[in-house]
Amino acid sequence: MGILIVLVPLALLLGFFFVGVFLWGVKSGQCDDLESPKHRMLLEKDD
């Protein structure tokens, strides 16, 4: 039962961290362009 005192706050901290990273990514424009990455691999030139 004592391990819950450690694991619950750790899980909450990790959850808040990943939500924060996700929100930062959305705010910085990481999810803006969903169409061009799938076409970019076809247009790359091999040198």
PDB file of N, CA and C in Angstrom:
ATOM      1  N   MET A   1       0.821  -1.198   0.000  1.00  0.00           N
ATOM      2  CA  MET A   1       0.000   0.000   0.000  1.00  0.00           C
ATOM      3  C   MET A   1       0.860   1.255   0.000  1.00  0.00           C
ATOM      4  N   GLY A   2       2.048   1.148   0.575  1.00  0.00           N
ATOM      5  CA  GLY A   2       2.941   2.307   0.618  1.00  0.00           C
ATOM      6  C   GLY A   2       3.467   2.701  -0.750  1.00  0.00           C
ATOM      7  N   ILE A   3       3.527   1.732  -1.672  1.00  0.00           N
ATOM      8  CA  ILE A   3       4.026   2.023  -3.010  1.00  0.00           C
ATOM      9  C   ILE A   3       3.070   2.942  -3.768  1.00  0.00           C
ATOM     10  N   LEU A   4       1.789   2.917  -3.415  1.00  0.00           N
ATOM     11  CA  LEU A   4       0.820   3.798  -4.075  1.00  0.00           C
ATOM     12  C   LEU A   4       1.122   5.264  -3.802  1.00  0.00           C
ATOM     13  N   ILE A   5       1.708   5.536  -2.653  1.00  0.00           N
ATOM     14  CA  ILE A   5       2.065   6.914  -2.307  1.00  0.00           C
ATOM     15  C   ILE A   5       3.133   7.429  -3.274  1.00  0.00           C
ATOM     16  N   VAL A   6       3.930   6.548  -3.809  1.00  0.00           N
ATOM     17  CA  VAL A   6       4.967   6.929  -4.769  1.00  0.00           C
ATOM     18  C   VAL A   6       4.439   6.877  -6.199  1.00  0.00           C
ATOM     19  N   LEU A   7       3.699   5.837  -6.532  1.00  0.00           N
ATOM     20  CA  LEU A   7       3.293   5.623  -7.918  1.00  0.00           C
ATOM     21  C   LEU A   7       2.204   6.582  -8.400  1.00  0.00           C
ATOM     22  N   VAL A   8       1.264   6.933  -7.561  1.00  0.00           N
ATOM     23  CA  VAL A   8       0.177   7.820  -7.995  1.00  0.00           C
ATOM     24  C   VAL A   8       0.716   9.208  -8.340  1.00  0.00           C
ATOM     25  N   PRO A   9       1.520   9.850  -7.478  1.00  0.00           N
ATOM     26  CA  PRO A   9       2.072  11.151  -7.892  1.00  0.00           C
ATOM     27  C   PRO A   9       2.997  11.053  -9.108  1.00  0.00           C
ATOM     28  N   LEU A  10       3.752   9.962  -9.210  1.00  0.00           N
ATOM     29  CA  LEU A  10       4.613   9.781 -10.367  1.00  0.00           C
ATOM     30  C   LEU A  10       3.791   9.663 -11.648  1.00  0.00           C
ATOM     31  N   ALA A  11       2.711   8.932 -11.606  1.00  0.00           N
ATOM     32  CA  ALA A  11       1.840   8.792 -12.766  1.00  0.00           C
ATOM     33  C   ALA A  11       1.207  10.139 -13.138  1.00  0.00           C
ATOM     34  N   LEU A  12       0.803  10.899 -12.147  1.00  0.00           N
ATOM     35  CA  LEU A  12       0.228  12.217 -12.422  1.00  0.00           C
ATOM     36  C   LEU A  12       1.258  13.154 -13.035  1.00  0.00           C
ATOM     37  N   LEU A  13       2.474  13.145 -12.513  1.00  0.00           N
ATOM     38  CA  LEU A  13       3.527  13.992 -13.076  1.00  0.00           C
ATOM     39  C   LEU A  13       3.843  13.613 -14.516  1.00  0.00           C
ATOM     40  N   LEU A  14       3.947  12.331 -14.782  1.00  0.00           N
ATOM     41  CA  LEU A  14       4.195  11.890 -16.155  1.00  0.00           C
ATOM     42  C   LEU A  14       3.040  12.265 -17.082  1.00  0.00           C
ATOM     43  N   GLY A  15       1.829  12.125 -16.591  1.00  0.00           N
ATOM     44  CA  GLY A  15       0.661  12.506 -17.391  1.00  0.00           C
ATOM     45  C   GLY A  15       0.657  13.977 -17.718  1.00  0.00           C
ATOM     46  N   PHE A  16       0.922  14.831 -16.725  1.00  0.00           N
ATOM     47  CA  PHE A  16       0.970  16.274 -16.953  1.00  0.00           C
ATOM     48  C   PHE A  16       2.120  16.635 -17.894  1.00  0.00           C
ATOM     49  N   PHE A  17       3.243  15.935 -17.760  1.00  0.00           N
ATOM     50  CA  PHE A  17       4.386  16.196 -18.639  1.00  0.00           C
ATOM     51  C   PHE A  17       4.026  15.913 -20.090  1.00  0.00           C
ATOM     52  N   PHE A  18       3.426  14.758 -20.359  1.00  0.00           N
ATOM     53  CA  PHE A  18       3.101  14.396 -21.733  1.00  0.00           C
ATOM     54  C   PHE A  18       1.980  15.262 -22.303  1.00  0.00           C
ATOM     55  N   VAL A  19       1.038  15.677 -21.481  1.00  0.00           N
ATOM     56  CA  VAL A  19       0.010  16.610 -21.954  1.00  0.00           C
ATOM     57  C   VAL A  19       0.659  17.942 -22.299  1.00  0.00           C
ATOM     58  N   GLY A  20       1.586  18.387 -21.474  1.00  0.00           N
ATOM     59  CA  GLY A  20       2.296  19.639 -21.745  1.00  0.00           C
ATOM     60  C   GLY A  20       3.116  19.574 -23.023  1.00  0.00           C
ATOM     61  N   VAL A  21       3.807  18.458 -23.246  1.00  0.00           N
ATOM     62  CA  VAL A  21       4.589  18.296 -24.478  1.00  0.00           C
ATOM     63  C   VAL A  21       3.665  18.260 -25.687  1.00  0.00           C
ATOM     64  N   PHE A  22       2.532  17.603 -25.567  1.00  0.00           N
ATOM     65  CA  PHE A  22       1.567  17.559 -26.665  1.00  0.00           C
ATOM     66  C   PHE A  22       1.039  18.954 -26.979  1.00  0.00           C
ATOM     67  N   LEU A  23       0.659  19.706 -25.950  1.00  0.00           N
ATOM     68  CA  LEU A  23       0.142  21.051 -26.175  1.00  0.00           C
ATOM     69  C   LEU A  23       1.212  21.960 -26.764  1.00  0.00           C
ATOM     70  N   TRP A  24       2.457  21.814 -26.313  1.00  0.00           N
ATOM     71  CA  TRP A  24       3.546  22.605 -26.874  1.00  0.00           C
ATOM     72  C   TRP A  24       3.728  22.277 -28.359  1.00  0.00           C
ATOM     73  N   GLY A  25       3.650  21.011 -28.711  1.00  0.00           N
ATOM     74  CA  GLY A  25       3.790  20.603 -30.102  1.00  0.00           C
ATOM     75  C   GLY A  25       2.675  21.153 -30.976  1.00  0.00           C
ATOM     76  N   VAL A  26       1.464  21.144 -30.461  1.00  0.00           N
ATOM     77  CA  VAL A  26       0.334  21.680 -31.226  1.00  0.00           C
ATOM     78  C   VAL A  26       0.484  23.186 -31.393  1.00  0.00           C
ATOM     79  N   LYS A  27       0.905  23.878 -30.332  1.00  0.00           N
ATOM     80  CA  LYS A  27       1.071  25.327 -30.392  1.00  0.00           C
ATOM     81  C   LYS A  27       2.197  25.742 -31.326  1.00  0.00           C
ATOM     82  N   SER A  28       3.250  24.939 -31.401  1.00  0.00           N
ATOM     83  CA  SER A  28       4.392  25.313 -32.236  1.00  0.00           C
ATOM     84  C   SER A  28       4.205  24.908 -33.694  1.00  0.00           C
ATOM     85  N   GLY A  29       3.081  24.294 -34.029  1.00  0.00           N
ATOM     86  CA  GLY A  29       2.773  24.007 -35.427  1.00  0.00           C
ATOM     87  C   GLY A  29       3.221  22.643 -35.904  1.00  0.00           C
ATOM     88  N   GLN A  30       3.505  21.722 -35.019  1.00  0.00           N
ATOM     89  CA  GLN A  30       3.941  20.397 -35.437  1.00  0.00           C
ATOM     90  C   GLN A  30       2.825  19.617 -36.131  1.00  0.00           C
ATOM     91  N   CYS A  31       1.583  19.922 -35.846  1.00  0.00           N
ATOM     92  CA  CYS A  31       0.453  19.164 -36.399  1.00  0.00           C
ATOM     93  C   CYS A  31      -0.299  19.944 -37.474  1.00  0.00           C
ATOM     94  N   ASP A  32       0.298  21.006 -38.010  1.00  0.00           N
ATOM     95  CA  ASP A  32      -0.414  21.837 -38.968  1.00  0.00           C
ATOM     96  C   ASP A  32      -0.553  21.179 -40.337  1.00  0.00           C
ATOM     97  N   ASP A  33       0.524  20.622 -40.845  1.00  0.00           N
ATOM     98  CA  ASP A  33       0.515  20.094 -42.204  1.00  0.00           C
ATOM     99  C   ASP A  33       0.466  18.568 -42.163  1.00  0.00           C
ATOM    100  N   LEU A  34      -0.676  18.014 -42.477  1.00  0.00           N
ATOM    101  CA  LEU A  34      -0.838  16.563 -42.449  1.00  0.00           C
ATOM    102  C   LEU A  34      -0.773  15.936 -43.831  1.00  0.00           C
ATOM    103  N   GLU A  35      -0.775  16.743 -44.873  1.00  0.00           N
ATOM    104  CA  GLU A  35      -0.842  16.211 -46.232  1.00  0.00           C
ATOM    105  C   GLU A  35       0.522  16.046 -46.894  1.00  0.00           C
ATOM    106  N   SER A  36       1.419  17.005 -46.749  1.00  0.00           N
ATOM    107  CA  SER A  36       2.655  16.957 -47.536  1.00  0.00           C
ATOM    108  C   SER A  36       3.654  15.891 -47.106  1.00  0.00           C
ATOM    109  N   PRO A  37       3.739  15.438 -45.850  1.00  0.00           N
ATOM    110  CA  PRO A  37       4.736  14.418 -45.529  1.00  0.00           C
ATOM    111  C   PRO A  37       4.559  13.118 -46.318  1.00  0.00           C
ATOM    112  N   LYS A  38       3.335  12.716 -46.584  1.00  0.00           N
ATOM    113  CA  LYS A  38       3.148  11.469 -47.332  1.00  0.00           C
ATOM    114  C   LYS A  38       3.515  11.633 -48.804  1.00  0.00           C
ATOM    115  N   HIS A  39       3.493  12.866 -49.320  1.00  0.00           N
ATOM    116  CA  HIS A  39       3.887  13.102 -50.705  1.00  0.00           C
ATOM    117  C   HIS A  39       5.373  13.414 -50.819  1.00  0.00           C
ATOM    118  N   ARG A  40       5.963  13.925 -49.749  1.00  0.00           N
ATOM    119  CA  ARG A  40       7.365  14.338 -49.785  1.00  0.00           C
ATOM    120  C   ARG A  40       8.292  13.157 -50.059  1.00  0.00           C
ATOM    121  N   MET A  41       7.981  11.992 -49.533  1.00  0.00           N
ATOM    122  CA  MET A  41       8.865  10.841 -49.746  1.00  0.00           C
ATOM    123  C   MET A  41       8.869  10.397 -51.207  1.00  0.00           C
ATOM    124  N   LEU A  42       7.808  10.705 -51.935  1.00  0.00           N
ATOM    125  CA  LEU A  42       7.771  10.350 -53.344  1.00  0.00           C
ATOM    126  C   LEU A  42       8.521  11.366 -54.202  1.00  0.00           C
ATOM    127  N   LEU A  43       8.676  12.583 -53.717  1.00  0.00           N
ATOM    128  CA  LEU A  43       9.299  13.650 -54.488  1.00  0.00           C
ATOM    129  C   LEU A  43      10.780  13.822 -54.193  1.00  0.00           C
ATOM    130  N   GLU A  44      11.315  13.116 -53.196  1.00  0.00           N
ATOM    131  CA  GLU A  44      12.731  13.272 -52.861  1.00  0.00           C
ATOM    132  C   GLU A  44      13.600  12.713 -53.975  1.00  0.00           C
ATOM    133  N   LYS A  45      14.681  13.411 -54.220  1.00  0.00           N
ATOM    134  CA  LYS A  45      15.610  12.985 -55.254  1.00  0.00           C
ATOM    135  C   LYS A  45      16.793  12.293 -54.606  1.00  0.00           C
ATOM    136  N   ASP A  46      17.193  11.166 -55.169  1.00  0.00           N
ATOM    137  CA  ASP A  46      18.376  10.461 -54.687  1.00  0.00           C
ATOM    138  C   ASP A  46      19.595  11.046 -55.389  1.00  0.00           C
ATOM    139  N   ASP A  47      20.557  11.482 -54.608  1.00  0.00           N
ATOM    140  CA  ASP A  47      21.800  12.034 -55.200  1.00  0.00           C
ATOM    141  C   ASP A  47      22.894  11.008 -55.231  1.00  0.00           C
TER     142      ASP A  47
END
